[in-house]
PDB file of all heavy atoms in Angstrom:
ATOM      1  N   GLU A   1       0.827  -1.212   0.012  1.00  0.00           N
ATOM      2  CA  GLU A   1       0.004  -0.008   0.005  1.00  0.00           C
ATOM      3  C   GLU A   1       0.859   1.262  -0.004  1.00  0.00           C
ATOM      4  O   GLU A   1       0.540   2.244  -0.680  1.00  0.00           O
ATOM      5  CB  GLU A   1      -0.931  -0.018   1.200  1.00  0.00           C
ATOM      6  CG  GLU A   1      -2.020  -1.089   1.107  1.00  0.00           C
ATOM      7  CD  GLU A   1      -2.797  -1.272   2.406  1.00  0.00           C
ATOM      8  OE1 GLU A   1      -2.357  -0.695   3.444  1.00  0.00           O
ATOM      9  OE2 GLU A   1      -3.835  -1.976   2.388  1.00  0.00           O
ATOM     10  N   ASN A   2       1.973   1.216   0.751  1.00  0.00           N
ATOM     11  CA  ASN A   2       2.886   2.357   0.789  1.00  0.00           C
ATOM     12  C   ASN A   2       3.528   2.572  -0.579  1.00  0.00           C
ATOM     13  O   ASN A   2       3.697   3.722  -1.028  1.00  0.00           O
ATOM     14  CB  ASN A   2       3.995   2.133   1.848  1.00  0.00           C
ATOM     15  CG  ASN A   2       3.441   2.237   3.266  1.00  0.00           C
ATOM     16  OD1 ASN A   2       2.415   2.851   3.495  1.00  0.00           O
ATOM     17  ND2 ASN A   2       4.163   1.651   4.224  1.00  0.00           N
ATOM     18  N   LYS A   3       3.878   1.465  -1.237  1.00  0.00           N
ATOM     19  CA  LYS A   3       4.498   1.590  -2.541  1.00  0.00           C
ATOM     20  C   LYS A   3       3.538   2.165  -3.577  1.00  0.00           C
ATOM     21  O   LYS A   3       3.932   2.978  -4.421  1.00  0.00           O
ATOM     22  CB  LYS A   3       5.028   0.213  -3.006  1.00  0.00           C
ATOM     23  CG  LYS A   3       5.779   0.246  -4.300  1.00  0.00           C
ATOM     24  CD  LYS A   3       6.374  -1.121  -4.673  1.00  0.00           C
ATOM     25  CE  LYS A   3       7.656  -1.382  -3.896  1.00  0.00           C
ATOM     26  NZ  LYS A   3       8.388  -2.562  -4.455  1.00  0.00           N
ATOM     27  N   VAL A   4       2.278   1.771  -3.492  1.00  0.00           N
ATOM     28  CA  VAL A   4       1.259   2.308  -4.408  1.00  0.00           C
ATOM     29  C   VAL A   4       1.093   3.822  -4.169  1.00  0.00           C
ATOM     30  O   VAL A   4       1.025   4.611  -5.111  1.00  0.00           O
ATOM     31  CB  VAL A   4      -0.101   1.597  -4.223  1.00  0.00           C
ATOM     32  CG1 VAL A   4      -1.194   2.325  -5.004  1.00  0.00           C
ATOM     33  CG2 VAL A   4       0.005   0.148  -4.700  1.00  0.00           C
ATOM     34  N   ARG A   5       1.082   4.214  -2.884  1.00  0.00           N
ATOM     35  CA  ARG A   5       0.930   5.633  -2.581  1.00  0.00           C
ATOM     36  C   ARG A   5       2.150   6.443  -3.057  1.00  0.00           C
ATOM     37  O   ARG A   5       2.030   7.594  -3.466  1.00  0.00           O
ATOM     38  CB  ARG A   5       0.760   5.828  -1.086  1.00  0.00           C
ATOM     39  CG  ARG A   5      -0.674   5.585  -0.575  1.00  0.00           C
ATOM     40  CD  ARG A   5      -0.854   6.108   0.842  1.00  0.00           C
ATOM     41  NE  ARG A   5      -0.089   5.340   1.791  1.00  0.00           N
ATOM     42  CZ  ARG A   5      -0.582   4.255   2.427  1.00  0.00           C
ATOM     43  NH1 ARG A   5      -1.839   3.883   2.198  1.00  0.00           N
ATOM     44  NH2 ARG A   5       0.136   3.598   3.296  1.00  0.00           N
ATOM     45  N   ARG A   6       3.317   5.800  -3.035  1.00  0.00           N
ATOM     46  CA  ARG A   6       4.539   6.477  -3.461  1.00  0.00           C
ATOM     47  C   ARG A   6       4.593   6.670  -4.997  1.00  0.00           C
ATOM     48  O   ARG A   6       4.955   7.731  -5.490  1.00  0.00           O
ATOM     49  CB  ARG A   6       5.773   5.691  -3.023  1.00  0.00           C
ATOM     50  CG  ARG A   6       6.178   5.880  -1.586  1.00  0.00           C
ATOM     51  CD  ARG A   6       7.094   4.772  -1.144  1.00  0.00           C
ATOM     52  NE  ARG A   6       8.263   4.604  -1.985  1.00  0.00           N
ATOM     53  CZ  ARG A   6       9.003   3.468  -2.015  1.00  0.00           C
ATOM     54  NH1 ARG A   6       8.642   2.433  -1.281  1.00  0.00           N
ATOM     55  NH2 ARG A   6      10.056   3.397  -2.798  1.00  0.00           N
ATOM     56  N   PHE A   7       4.187   5.639  -5.735  1.00  0.00           N
ATOM     57  CA  PHE A   7       4.407   5.641  -7.150  1.00  0.00           C
ATOM     58  C   PHE A   7       3.155   5.816  -7.999  1.00  0.00           C
ATOM     59  O   PHE A   7       3.262   6.142  -9.180  1.00  0.00           O
ATOM     60  CB  PHE A   7       5.130   4.365  -7.593  1.00  0.00           C
ATOM     61  CG  PHE A   7       6.479   4.168  -6.963  1.00  0.00           C
ATOM     62  CD1 PHE A   7       6.851   2.961  -6.360  1.00  0.00           C
ATOM     63  CD2 PHE A   7       7.384   5.187  -6.958  1.00  0.00           C
ATOM     64  CE1 PHE A   7       8.087   2.799  -5.791  1.00  0.00           C
ATOM     65  CE2 PHE A   7       8.655   5.044  -6.396  1.00  0.00           C
ATOM     66  CZ  PHE A   7       9.017   3.838  -5.797  1.00  0.00           C
ATOM     67  N   ARG A   8       1.972   5.598  -7.390  1.00  0.00           N
ATOM     68  CA  ARG A   8       0.735   5.747  -8.168  1.00  0.00           C
ATOM     69  C   ARG A   8      -0.305   6.408  -7.264  1.00  0.00           C
ATOM     70  O   ARG A   8      -1.415   5.872  -7.101  1.00  0.00           O
ATOM     71  CB  ARG A   8       0.267   4.371  -8.670  1.00  0.00           C
ATOM     72  CG  ARG A   8      -0.498   4.398 -10.002  1.00  0.00           C
ATOM     73  CD  ARG A   8      -0.898   3.022 -10.430  1.00  0.00           C
ATOM     74  NE  ARG A   8      -1.793   2.396  -9.492  1.00  0.00           N
ATOM     75  CZ  ARG A   8      -1.719   1.112  -9.074  1.00  0.00           C
ATOM     76  NH1 ARG A   8      -0.788   0.330  -9.539  1.00  0.00           N
ATOM     77  NH2 ARG A   8      -2.603   0.639  -8.216  1.00  0.00           N
ATOM     78  N   PRO A   9       0.015   7.557  -6.689  1.00  0.00           N
ATOM     79  CA  PRO A   9      -0.864   8.149  -5.688  1.00  0.00           C
ATOM     80  C   PRO A   9      -2.229   8.555  -6.258  1.00  0.00           C
ATOM     81  O   PRO A   9      -2.302   9.218  -7.281  1.00  0.00           O
ATOM     82  CB  PRO A   9      -0.070   9.413  -5.233  1.00  0.00           C
ATOM     83  CG  PRO A   9       0.822   9.719  -6.383  1.00  0.00           C
ATOM     84  CD  PRO A   9       1.193   8.387  -6.980  1.00  0.00           C
ATOM     85  N   GLY A  10      -3.281   8.114  -5.600  1.00  0.00           N
ATOM     86  CA  GLY A  10      -4.630   8.469  -6.014  1.00  0.00           C
ATOM     87  C   GLY A  10      -5.079   7.837  -7.310  1.00  0.00           C
ATOM     88  O   GLY A  10      -6.131   8.188  -7.819  1.00  0.00           O
ATOM     89  N   GLU A  11      -4.297   6.909  -7.833  1.00  0.00           N
ATOM     90  CA  GLU A  11      -4.662   6.271  -9.132  1.00  0.00           C
ATOM     91  C   GLU A  11      -4.777   4.764  -8.956  1.00  0.00           C
ATOM     92  O   GLU A  11      -3.973   4.162  -8.237  1.00  0.00           O
ATOM     93  CB  GLU A  11      -3.614   6.579 -10.192  1.00  0.00           C
ATOM     94  CG  GLU A  11      -3.443   8.054 -10.551  1.00  0.00           C
ATOM     95  CD  GLU A  11      -2.389   8.257 -11.599  1.00  0.00           C
ATOM     96  OE1 GLU A  11      -2.035   7.273 -12.263  1.00  0.00           O
ATOM     97  OE2 GLU A  11      -1.920   9.380 -11.754  1.00  0.00           O
ATOM     98  N   SER A  12      -5.743   4.175  -9.605  1.00  0.00           N
ATOM     99  CA  SER A  12      -5.826   2.723  -9.653  1.00  0.00           C
ATOM    100  C   SER A  12      -5.125   2.238 -10.907  1.00  0.00           C
ATOM    101  O   SER A  12      -4.825   3.023 -11.791  1.00  0.00           O
ATOM    102  CB  SER A  12      -7.297   2.288  -9.656  1.00  0.00           C
ATOM    103  OG  SER A  12      -7.988   2.819 -10.776  1.00  0.00           O
ATOM    104  N   LEU A  13      -4.835   0.959 -10.942  1.00  0.00           N
ATOM    105  CA  LEU A  13      -4.237   0.404 -12.154  1.00  0.00           C
ATOM    106  C   LEU A  13      -5.238   0.528 -13.294  1.00  0.00           C
ATOM    107  O   LEU A  13      -6.447   0.278 -13.100  1.00  0.00           O
ATOM    108  CB  LEU A  13      -3.909  -1.079 -11.908  1.00  0.00           C
ATOM    109  CG  LEU A  13      -2.937  -1.783 -12.858  1.00  0.00           C
ATOM    110  CD1 LEU A  13      -1.553  -1.151 -12.760  1.00  0.00           C
ATOM    111  CD2 LEU A  13      -2.890  -3.272 -12.579  1.00  0.00           C
ATOM    112  N   PRO A  14      -4.780   0.962 -14.476  1.00  0.00           N
ATOM    113  CA  PRO A  14      -5.731   1.115 -15.594  1.00  0.00           C
ATOM    114  C   PRO A  14      -6.477  -0.191 -15.907  1.00  0.00           C
ATOM    115  O   PRO A  14      -6.023  -1.287 -15.551  1.00  0.00           O
ATOM    116  CB  PRO A  14      -4.817   1.501 -16.769  1.00  0.00           C
ATOM    117  CG  PRO A  14      -3.639   2.142 -16.095  1.00  0.00           C
ATOM    118  CD  PRO A  14      -3.439   1.376 -14.818  1.00  0.00           C
ATOM    119  N   ASN A  15      -7.604  -0.060 -16.554  1.00  0.00           N
ATOM    120  CA  ASN A  15      -8.397  -1.234 -16.943  1.00  0.00           C
ATOM    121  C   ASN A  15      -7.588  -2.107 -17.899  1.00  0.00           C
ATOM    122  O   ASN A  15      -7.130  -1.678 -18.946  1.00  0.00           O
ATOM    123  CB  ASN A  15      -9.700  -0.759 -17.649  1.00  0.00           C
ATOM    124  CG  ASN A  15     -10.590  -1.917 -18.042  1.00  0.00           C
ATOM    125  OD1 ASN A  15     -10.382  -3.055 -17.611  1.00  0.00           O
ATOM    126  ND2 ASN A  15     -11.574  -1.647 -18.857  1.00  0.00           N
ATOM    127  N   LEU A  16      -7.401  -3.347 -17.481  1.00  0.00           N
ATOM    128  CA  LEU A  16      -6.562  -4.271 -18.289  1.00  0.00           C
ATOM    129  C   LEU A  16      -7.381  -5.327 -19.004  1.00  0.00           C
ATOM    130  O   LEU A  16      -6.820  -6.206 -19.654  1.00  0.00           O
ATOM    131  CB  LEU A  16      -5.533  -4.978 -17.377  1.00  0.00           C
ATOM    132  CG  LEU A  16      -4.601  -4.066 -16.596  1.00  0.00           C
ATOM    133  CD1 LEU A  16      -3.662  -4.900 -15.756  1.00  0.00           C
ATOM    134  CD2 LEU A  16      -3.781  -3.151 -17.550  1.00  0.00           C
ATOM    135  N   LYS A  17      -8.717  -5.264 -18.879  1.00  0.00           N
ATOM    136  CA  LYS A  17      -9.555  -6.306 -19.458  1.00  0.00           C
ATOM    137  C   LYS A  17      -9.321  -6.408 -20.961  1.00  0.00           C
ATOM    138  O   LYS A  17      -9.407  -5.447 -21.701  1.00  0.00           O
ATOM    139  CB  LYS A  17     -11.007  -6.017 -19.159  1.00  0.00           C
ATOM    140  CG  LYS A  17     -11.920  -7.167 -19.517  1.00  0.00           C
ATOM    141  CD  LYS A  17     -13.348  -6.947 -19.073  1.00  0.00           C
ATOM    142  CE  LYS A  17     -14.217  -8.171 -19.393  1.00  0.00           C
ATOM    143  NZ  LYS A  17     -15.603  -7.986 -18.931  1.00  0.00           N
ATOM    144  N   ASN A  18      -8.980  -7.648 -21.376  1.00  0.00           N
ATOM    145  CA  ASN A  18      -8.761  -7.985 -22.796  1.00  0.00           C
ATOM    146  C   ASN A  18      -7.593  -7.206 -23.400  1.00  0.00           C
ATOM    147  O   ASN A  18      -7.465  -7.101 -24.626  1.00  0.00           O
ATOM    148  CB  ASN A  18     -10.023  -7.746 -23.626  1.00  0.00           C
ATOM    149  CG  ASN A  18     -11.154  -8.667 -23.227  1.00  0.00           C
ATOM    150  OD1 ASN A  18     -10.915  -9.826 -22.886  1.00  0.00           O
ATOM    151  ND2 ASN A  18     -12.375  -8.144 -23.250  1.00  0.00           N
ATOM    152  N   LYS A  19      -6.699  -6.695 -22.592  1.00  0.00           N
ATOM    153  CA  LYS A  19      -5.535  -5.970 -23.060  1.00  0.00           C
ATOM    154  C   LYS A  19      -4.301  -6.901 -23.145  1.00  0.00           C
ATOM    155  O   LYS A  19      -4.171  -7.858 -22.394  1.00  0.00           O
ATOM    156  CB  LYS A  19      -5.189  -4.787 -22.158  1.00  0.00           C
ATOM    157  CG  LYS A  19      -6.299  -3.758 -22.026  1.00  0.00           C
ATOM    158  CD  LYS A  19      -6.330  -2.851 -23.229  1.00  0.00           C
ATOM    159  CE  LYS A  19      -7.402  -1.756 -23.050  1.00  0.00           C
ATOM    160  NZ  LYS A  19      -7.086  -0.831 -21.956  1.00  0.00           N
ATOM    161  N   THR A  20      -3.390  -6.531 -24.065  1.00  0.00           N
ATOM    162  CA  THR A  20      -2.074  -7.124 -24.024  1.00  0.00           C
ATOM    163  C   THR A  20      -1.207  -6.305 -23.110  1.00  0.00           C
ATOM    164  O   THR A  20      -1.092  -5.094 -23.282  1.00  0.00           O
ATOM    165  CB  THR A  20      -1.445  -7.169 -25.448  1.00  0.00           C
ATOM    166  OG1 THR A  20      -2.226  -8.019 -26.302  1.00  0.00           O
ATOM    167  CG2 THR A  20      -0.019  -7.656 -25.410  1.00  0.00           C
ATOM    168  N   VAL A  21      -0.608  -6.941 -22.103  1.00  0.00           N
ATOM    169  CA  VAL A  21       0.211  -6.237 -21.118  1.00  0.00           C
ATOM    170  C   VAL A  21       1.648  -6.708 -21.208  1.00  0.00           C
ATOM    171  O   VAL A  21       1.897  -7.896 -21.245  1.00  0.00           O
ATOM    172  CB  VAL A  21      -0.339  -6.500 -19.700  1.00  0.00           C
ATOM    173  CG1 VAL A  21       0.572  -5.818 -18.657  1.00  0.00           C
ATOM    174  CG2 VAL A  21      -1.756  -6.011 -19.547  1.00  0.00           C
ATOM    175  N   ILE A  22       2.552  -5.736 -21.311  1.00  0.00           N
ATOM    176  CA  ILE A  22       3.975  -6.048 -21.251  1.00  0.00           C
ATOM    177  C   ILE A  22       4.481  -5.706 -19.873  1.00  0.00           C
ATOM    178  O   ILE A  22       4.485  -4.538 -19.470  1.00  0.00           O
ATOM    179  CB  ILE A  22       4.772  -5.261 -22.302  1.00  0.00           C
ATOM    180  CG1 ILE A  22       4.218  -5.576 -23.708  1.00  0.00           C
ATOM    181  CG2 ILE A  22       6.250  -5.574 -22.215  1.00  0.00           C
ATOM    182  CD1 ILE A  22       4.909  -4.799 -24.840  1.00  0.00           C
ATOM    183  N   LEU A  23       4.833  -6.708 -19.088  1.00  0.00           N
ATOM    184  CA  LEU A  23       5.340  -6.548 -17.734  1.00  0.00           C
ATOM    185  C   LEU A  23       6.857  -6.399 -17.802  1.00  0.00           C
ATOM    186  O   LEU A  23       7.546  -7.245 -18.372  1.00  0.00           O
ATOM    187  CB  LEU A  23       4.960  -7.706 -16.858  1.00  0.00           C
ATOM    188  CG  LEU A  23       5.463  -7.681 -15.404  1.00  0.00           C
ATOM    189  CD1 LEU A  23       4.744  -6.587 -14.627  1.00  0.00           C
ATOM    190  CD2 LEU A  23       5.309  -9.055 -14.739  1.00  0.00           C
ATOM    191  N   VAL A  24       7.371  -5.328 -17.210  1.00  0.00           N
ATOM    192  CA  VAL A  24       8.808  -5.015 -17.344  1.00  0.00           C
ATOM    193  C   VAL A  24       9.463  -4.960 -15.977  1.00  0.00           C
ATOM    194  O   VAL A  24       8.960  -4.339 -15.065  1.00  0.00           O
ATOM    195  CB  VAL A  24       8.997  -3.665 -18.074  1.00  0.00           C
ATOM    196  CG1 VAL A  24      10.483  -3.384 -18.265  1.00  0.00           C
ATOM    197  CG2 VAL A  24       8.277  -3.631 -19.401  1.00  0.00           C
ATOM    198  N   ASP A  25      10.626  -5.573 -15.904  1.00  0.00           N
ATOM    199  CA  ASP A  25      11.454  -5.522 -14.700  1.00  0.00           C
ATOM    200  C   ASP A  25      12.887  -5.423 -15.149  1.00  0.00           C
ATOM    201  O   ASP A  25      13.203  -5.634 -16.312  1.00  0.00           O
ATOM    202  CB  ASP A  25      11.216  -6.767 -13.816  1.00  0.00           C
ATOM    203  CG  ASP A  25      11.755  -6.572 -12.394  1.00  0.00           C
ATOM    204  OD1 ASP A  25      12.127  -5.423 -12.042  1.00  0.00           O
ATOM    205  OD2 ASP A  25      11.774  -7.551 -11.664  1.00  0.00           O
ATOM    206  N   ASP A  26      13.805  -5.109 -14.219  1.00  0.00           N
ATOM    207  CA  ASP A  26      15.211  -5.051 -14.614  1.00  0.00           C
ATOM    208  C   ASP A  26      15.789  -6.456 -14.694  1.00  0.00           C
ATOM    209  O   ASP A  26      16.907  -6.636 -15.219  1.00  0.00           O
ATOM    210  CB  ASP A  26      16.017  -4.164 -13.671  1.00  0.00           C
ATOM    211  CG  ASP A  26      15.824  -4.500 -12.220  1.00  0.00           C
ATOM    212  OD1 ASP A  26      15.119  -5.488 -11.909  1.00  0.00           O
ATOM    213  OD2 ASP A  26      16.340  -3.738 -11.348  1.00  0.00           O
ATOM    214  N   GLY A  27      15.091  -7.463 -14.183  1.00  0.00           N
ATOM    215  CA  GLY A  27      15.534  -8.837 -14.289  1.00  0.00           C
ATOM    216  C   GLY A  27      15.028  -9.594 -13.084  1.00  0.00           C
ATOM    217  O   GLY A  27      15.230  -9.169 -11.954  1.00  0.00           O
ATOM    218  N   PRO A  28      14.355 -10.742 -13.305  1.00  0.00           N
ATOM    219  CA  PRO A  28      13.796 -11.500 -12.164  1.00  0.00           C
ATOM    220  C   PRO A  28      14.884 -12.257 -11.401  1.00  0.00           C
ATOM    221  O   PRO A  28      15.456 -13.221 -11.897  1.00  0.00           O
ATOM    222  CB  PRO A  28      12.805 -12.457 -12.846  1.00  0.00           C
ATOM    223  CG  PRO A  28      13.349 -12.636 -14.201  1.00  0.00           C
ATOM    224  CD  PRO A  28      14.039 -11.370 -14.586  1.00  0.00           C
ATOM    225  N   ILE A  29      15.187 -11.769 -10.178  1.00  0.00           N
ATOM    226  CA  ILE A  29      16.084 -12.523  -9.334  1.00  0.00           C
ATOM    227  C   ILE A  29      15.398 -13.772  -8.814  1.00  0.00           C
ATOM    228  O   ILE A  29      15.983 -14.846  -8.681  1.00  0.00           O
ATOM    229  CB  ILE A  29      16.499 -11.656  -8.091  1.00  0.00           C
ATOM    230  CG1 ILE A  29      17.236 -10.412  -8.581  1.00  0.00           C
ATOM    231  CG2 ILE A  29      17.361 -12.439  -7.136  1.00  0.00           C
ATOM    232  CD1 ILE A  29      18.525 -10.702  -9.277  1.00  0.00           C
ATOM    233  N   SER A  30      14.125 -13.664  -8.540  1.00  0.00           N
ATOM    234  CA  SER A  30      13.309 -14.791  -8.088  1.00  0.00           C
ATOM    235  C   SER A  30      12.082 -14.924  -8.981  1.00  0.00           C
ATOM    236  O   SER A  30      11.347 -13.949  -9.192  1.00  0.00           O
ATOM    237  CB  SER A  30      12.901 -14.608  -6.638  1.00  0.00           C
ATOM    238  OG  SER A  30      12.008 -15.613  -6.232  1.00  0.00           O
ATOM    239  N   ASN A  31      11.845 -16.098  -9.472  1.00  0.00           N
ATOM    240  CA  ASN A  31      10.663 -16.316 -10.360  1.00  0.00           C
ATOM    241  C   ASN A  31       9.341 -16.033  -9.655  1.00  0.00           C
ATOM    242  O   ASN A  31       8.360 -15.722 -10.280  1.00  0.00           O
ATOM    243  CB  ASN A  31      10.675 -17.741 -10.879  1.00  0.00           C
ATOM    244  CG  ASN A  31      11.802 -17.993 -11.859  1.00  0.00           C
ATOM    245  OD1 ASN A  31      12.508 -17.089 -12.259  1.00  0.00           O
ATOM    246  ND2 ASN A  31      11.983 -19.247 -12.229  1.00  0.00           N
ATOM    247  N   VAL A  32       9.344 -16.180  -8.342  1.00  0.00           N
ATOM    248  CA  VAL A  32       8.063 -16.072  -7.594  1.00  0.00           C
ATOM    249  C   VAL A  32       7.483 -14.650  -7.733  1.00  0.00           C
ATOM    250  O   VAL A  32       6.252 -14.516  -7.774  1.00  0.00           O
ATOM    251  CB  VAL A  32       8.292 -16.420  -6.110  1.00  0.00           C
ATOM    252  CG1 VAL A  32       9.162 -15.405  -5.396  1.00  0.00           C
ATOM    253  CG2 VAL A  32       6.968 -16.552  -5.411  1.00  0.00           C
ATOM    254  N   LEU A  33       8.310 -13.609  -7.835  1.00  0.00           N
ATOM    255  CA  LEU A  33       7.802 -12.263  -7.976  1.00  0.00           C
ATOM    256  C   LEU A  33       7.144 -12.072  -9.345  1.00  0.00           C
ATOM    257  O   LEU A  33       6.046 -11.498  -9.442  1.00  0.00           O
ATOM    258  CB  LEU A  33       8.930 -11.217  -7.777  1.00  0.00           C
ATOM    259  CG  LEU A  33       8.470  -9.770  -7.696  1.00  0.00           C
ATOM    260  CD1 LEU A  33       7.631  -9.546  -6.466  1.00  0.00           C
ATOM    261  CD2 LEU A  33       9.686  -8.847  -7.675  1.00  0.00           C
ATOM    262  N   ALA A  34       7.806 -12.584 -10.391  1.00  0.00           N
ATOM    263  CA  ALA A  34       7.227 -12.480 -11.740  1.00  0.00           C
ATOM    264  C   ALA A  34       5.935 -13.256 -11.825  1.00  0.00           C
ATOM    265  O   ALA A  34       4.965 -12.830 -12.451  1.00  0.00           O
ATOM    266  CB  ALA A  34       8.242 -13.007 -12.737  1.00  0.00           C
ATOM    267  N   ARG A  35       5.883 -14.403 -11.100  1.00  0.00           N
ATOM    268  CA  ARG A  35       4.685 -15.234 -11.153  1.00  0.00           C
ATOM    269  C   ARG A  35       3.503 -14.585 -10.464  1.00  0.00           C
ATOM    270  O   ARG A  35       2.389 -14.654 -10.982  1.00  0.00           O
ATOM    271  CB  ARG A  35       4.993 -16.585 -10.520  1.00  0.00           C
ATOM    272  CG  ARG A  35       5.771 -17.527 -11.450  1.00  0.00           C
ATOM    273  CD  ARG A  35       6.020 -18.862 -10.824  1.00  0.00           C
ATOM    274  NE  ARG A  35       6.539 -19.772 -11.829  1.00  0.00           N
ATOM    275  CZ  ARG A  35       7.538 -20.612 -11.617  1.00  0.00           C
ATOM    276  NH1 ARG A  35       8.121 -20.636 -10.444  1.00  0.00           N
ATOM    277  NH2 ARG A  35       7.945 -21.411 -12.573  1.00  0.00           N
ATOM    278  N   VAL A  36       3.727 -13.976  -9.327  1.00  0.00           N
ATOM    279  CA  VAL A  36       2.594 -13.338  -8.629  1.00  0.00           C
ATOM    280  C   VAL A  36       2.114 -12.147  -9.410  1.00  0.00           C
ATOM    281  O   VAL A  36       0.894 -11.832  -9.472  1.00  0.00           O
ATOM    282  CB  VAL A  36       2.969 -12.957  -7.168  1.00  0.00           C
ATOM    283  CG1 VAL A  36       3.779 -11.665  -7.097  1.00  0.00           C
ATOM    284  CG2 VAL A  36       1.720 -12.788  -6.309  1.00  0.00           C
ATOM    285  N   ALA A  37       3.039 -11.455 -10.088  1.00  0.00           N
ATOM    286  CA  ALA A  37       2.639 -10.320 -10.948  1.00  0.00           C
ATOM    287  C   ALA A  37       1.788 -10.804 -12.113  1.00  0.00           C
ATOM    288  O   ALA A  37       0.769 -10.189 -12.432  1.00  0.00           O
ATOM    289  CB  ALA A  37       3.865  -9.572 -11.457  1.00  0.00           C
ATOM    290  N   SER A  38       2.219 -11.881 -12.749  1.00  0.00           N
ATOM    291  CA  SER A  38       1.474 -12.440 -13.872  1.00  0.00           C
ATOM    292  C   SER A  38       0.072 -12.875 -13.428  1.00  0.00           C
ATOM    293  O   SER A  38      -0.938 -12.613 -14.086  1.00  0.00           O
ATOM    294  CB  SER A  38       2.225 -13.627 -14.471  1.00  0.00           C
ATOM    295  OG  SER A  38       1.454 -14.310 -15.433  1.00  0.00           O
ATOM    296  N   SER A  39       0.019 -13.550 -12.276  1.00  0.00           N
ATOM    297  CA  SER A  39      -1.260 -14.030 -11.755  1.00  0.00           C
ATOM    298  C   SER A  39      -2.191 -12.865 -11.466  1.00  0.00           C
ATOM    299  O   SER A  39      -3.386 -12.928 -11.784  1.00  0.00           O
ATOM    300  CB  SER A  39      -1.011 -14.825 -10.455  1.00  0.00           C
ATOM    301  OG  SER A  39      -2.222 -15.199  -9.845  1.00  0.00           O
TER     302      SER A  39
END
């Protein structure tokens, strides 16, 4: 919640329904983080 307030204050994630989403990171150190994001 703190991270959302820091980087996306007052905004919800845009509507992603039926969208193609490109998820970007500097590199997955642990697959579990990428997996929870995908889920």
